Protein backbone atom coordinates (compact mmCIF):
# COMPACT_ATOMS: atom_id res chain seq x y z
CA UNK A 1 -9.89 31.65 -97.54
CA UNK A 2 -5.74 33.61 -98.15
CA UNK A 3 -4.40 30.63 -96.42
CA UNK A 4 -6.72 28.08 -98.15
CA UNK A 5 -5.39 30.39 -101.57
CA UNK A 6 -1.33 30.04 -100.89
CA UNK A 7 -1.12 26.91 -99.91
CA UNK A 8 -2.87 25.30 -103.18
CA UNK A 9 -0.57 28.20 -104.94
CA UNK A 10 2.68 26.63 -103.04
CA UNK A 11 1.50 22.66 -103.74
CA UNK A 12 0.75 23.29 -107.28
CA UNK A 13 4.36 25.38 -107.31
CA UNK A 14 5.82 21.86 -106.15
CA UNK A 15 3.90 19.28 -107.63
CA UNK A 16 5.03 21.34 -110.93
CA UNK A 17 8.90 21.60 -109.99
CA UNK A 18 10.76 18.84 -111.86
CA UNK A 19 12.21 16.38 -109.55
CA UNK A 20 15.94 15.76 -109.71
CA UNK A 21 15.03 11.99 -107.90
CA UNK A 22 18.04 10.36 -106.52
CA UNK A 23 17.17 7.49 -108.24
CA UNK A 24 19.47 8.99 -110.82
CA UNK A 25 22.38 7.72 -108.56
CA UNK A 26 20.74 4.32 -107.99
CA UNK A 27 22.05 0.97 -109.50
CA UNK A 28 20.29 -0.53 -112.22
CA UNK A 29 21.58 -3.02 -113.18
CA UNK A 30 23.04 -4.38 -109.83
CA UNK A 31 26.52 -2.55 -109.78
CA UNK A 32 28.25 0.47 -107.51
CA UNK A 33 27.64 4.30 -109.62
CA UNK A 34 29.73 6.82 -108.86
CA UNK A 35 29.24 10.21 -110.32
CA UNK A 36 31.92 12.02 -113.00
CA UNK A 37 31.71 14.50 -115.33
CA UNK A 38 31.36 13.13 -118.35
CA UNK A 39 27.93 10.62 -116.86
CA UNK A 40 26.96 8.52 -114.27
CA UNK A 41 28.50 5.17 -113.95
CA UNK A 42 27.88 2.07 -112.65
CA UNK A 43 30.19 -0.84 -112.27
CA UNK A 44 29.87 -4.69 -112.43
CA UNK A 45 31.67 -6.61 -111.25
CA UNK A 46 32.27 -10.76 -112.00
CA UNK A 47 35.32 -12.60 -111.14
CA UNK A 48 36.41 -13.01 -115.22
CA UNK A 49 33.72 -9.44 -116.42
CA UNK A 50 33.78 -6.18 -115.55
CA UNK A 51 30.94 -3.88 -117.40
CA UNK A 52 30.28 -0.23 -117.32
CA UNK A 53 27.40 1.29 -117.92
CA UNK A 54 27.15 4.53 -118.13
CA UNK A 55 24.20 7.16 -118.31
CA UNK A 56 23.22 10.65 -117.88
CA UNK A 57 20.26 11.63 -115.44
CA UNK A 58 19.60 7.95 -115.06
CA UNK A 59 19.35 7.04 -119.12
CA UNK A 60 21.49 5.37 -120.84
CA UNK A 61 23.65 7.13 -122.31
CA UNK A 62 24.43 6.44 -126.47
CA UNK A 63 28.33 5.59 -126.71
CA UNK A 64 29.47 5.41 -130.44
CA UNK A 65 33.34 4.84 -129.02
CA UNK A 66 34.67 4.75 -125.58
CA UNK A 67 38.27 3.35 -124.86
CA UNK A 68 40.25 2.64 -121.44
CA UNK A 69 41.33 0.67 -118.71
CA UNK A 70 40.23 -0.99 -114.98
CA UNK A 71 42.63 -1.28 -112.49
CA UNK A 72 41.62 -4.03 -109.68
CA UNK A 73 42.98 -3.33 -105.96
CA UNK A 74 42.23 -6.15 -103.26
CA UNK A 75 44.90 -6.33 -100.45
CA UNK A 76 48.38 -6.20 -102.47
CA UNK A 77 47.27 -7.46 -105.43
CA UNK A 78 46.79 -5.30 -108.62
CA UNK A 79 45.12 -6.64 -112.02
CA UNK A 80 44.69 -4.15 -115.13
CA UNK A 81 42.87 -5.37 -118.21
CA UNK A 82 41.41 -3.14 -121.20
CA UNK A 83 38.16 -1.66 -121.28
CA UNK A 84 36.19 -2.65 -124.85
CA UNK A 85 33.51 -1.23 -126.25
CA UNK A 86 30.57 -3.48 -125.85
CA UNK A 87 27.10 -2.20 -127.49
CA UNK A 88 25.90 0.43 -125.14
CA UNK A 89 28.42 -0.27 -122.28
CA UNK A 90 32.47 -0.92 -121.54
CA UNK A 91 33.59 -4.60 -120.97
CA UNK A 92 37.04 -5.66 -119.89
CA UNK A 93 37.35 -9.83 -119.61
CA UNK A 94 40.31 -10.97 -117.15
CA UNK A 95 40.80 -12.81 -113.88
CA UNK A 96 39.76 -10.49 -111.31
CA UNK A 97 40.18 -10.97 -107.06
CA UNK A 98 36.89 -10.04 -106.02
CA UNK A 99 35.22 -9.17 -102.35
CA UNK A 100 33.87 -6.60 -100.45
CA UNK A 101 36.77 -3.31 -99.75
CA UNK A 102 38.01 -4.50 -103.44
CA UNK A 103 38.78 -1.14 -105.19
CA UNK A 104 38.33 -0.78 -108.87
CA UNK A 105 39.59 2.34 -110.90
CA UNK A 106 38.20 3.08 -114.33
CA UNK A 107 39.60 5.19 -116.52
CA UNK A 108 37.98 5.88 -119.26
CA UNK A 109 37.48 8.20 -122.50
CA UNK A 110 33.77 8.41 -123.94
CA UNK A 111 32.83 9.95 -127.60
CA UNK A 112 35.64 11.88 -127.93
CA UNK A 113 35.47 13.42 -124.78
CA UNK A 114 38.76 13.55 -122.56
CA UNK A 115 39.43 9.91 -120.13
CA UNK A 116 37.70 10.68 -116.31
CA UNK A 117 38.47 8.30 -113.52
CA UNK A 118 36.04 6.58 -111.68
CA UNK A 119 37.29 5.17 -108.48
CA UNK A 120 34.67 2.61 -107.55
CA UNK A 121 34.48 0.68 -103.91
CA UNK A 122 32.57 -2.93 -103.89
CA UNK A 123 30.17 -3.70 -101.08
């Protein structure tokens, strides 16, 4: 009977434990996610628009201010564009050469905090 009680206790503890799911870092918008000190950033890249979604433990972060830029590296080609706040995300408009292996560096300052660098590699 003791082993049954112990097993029940273990099951109750496991069920009550907070879940820190790996889903926190899965793309919610079809992009590439990196973890930064500020929060998770998901980059969604198209040839004319780069969008960065910021979240905290899987929940969209409320952005009140944001500044920054993206630098896109594709082979020897390098393109920079400023990031602007667009609702709850950051956007950079331009003409970007993208493909598997393209690297994107985003320098971003959010909500008055110091800038952080997020490095993405497109798949």
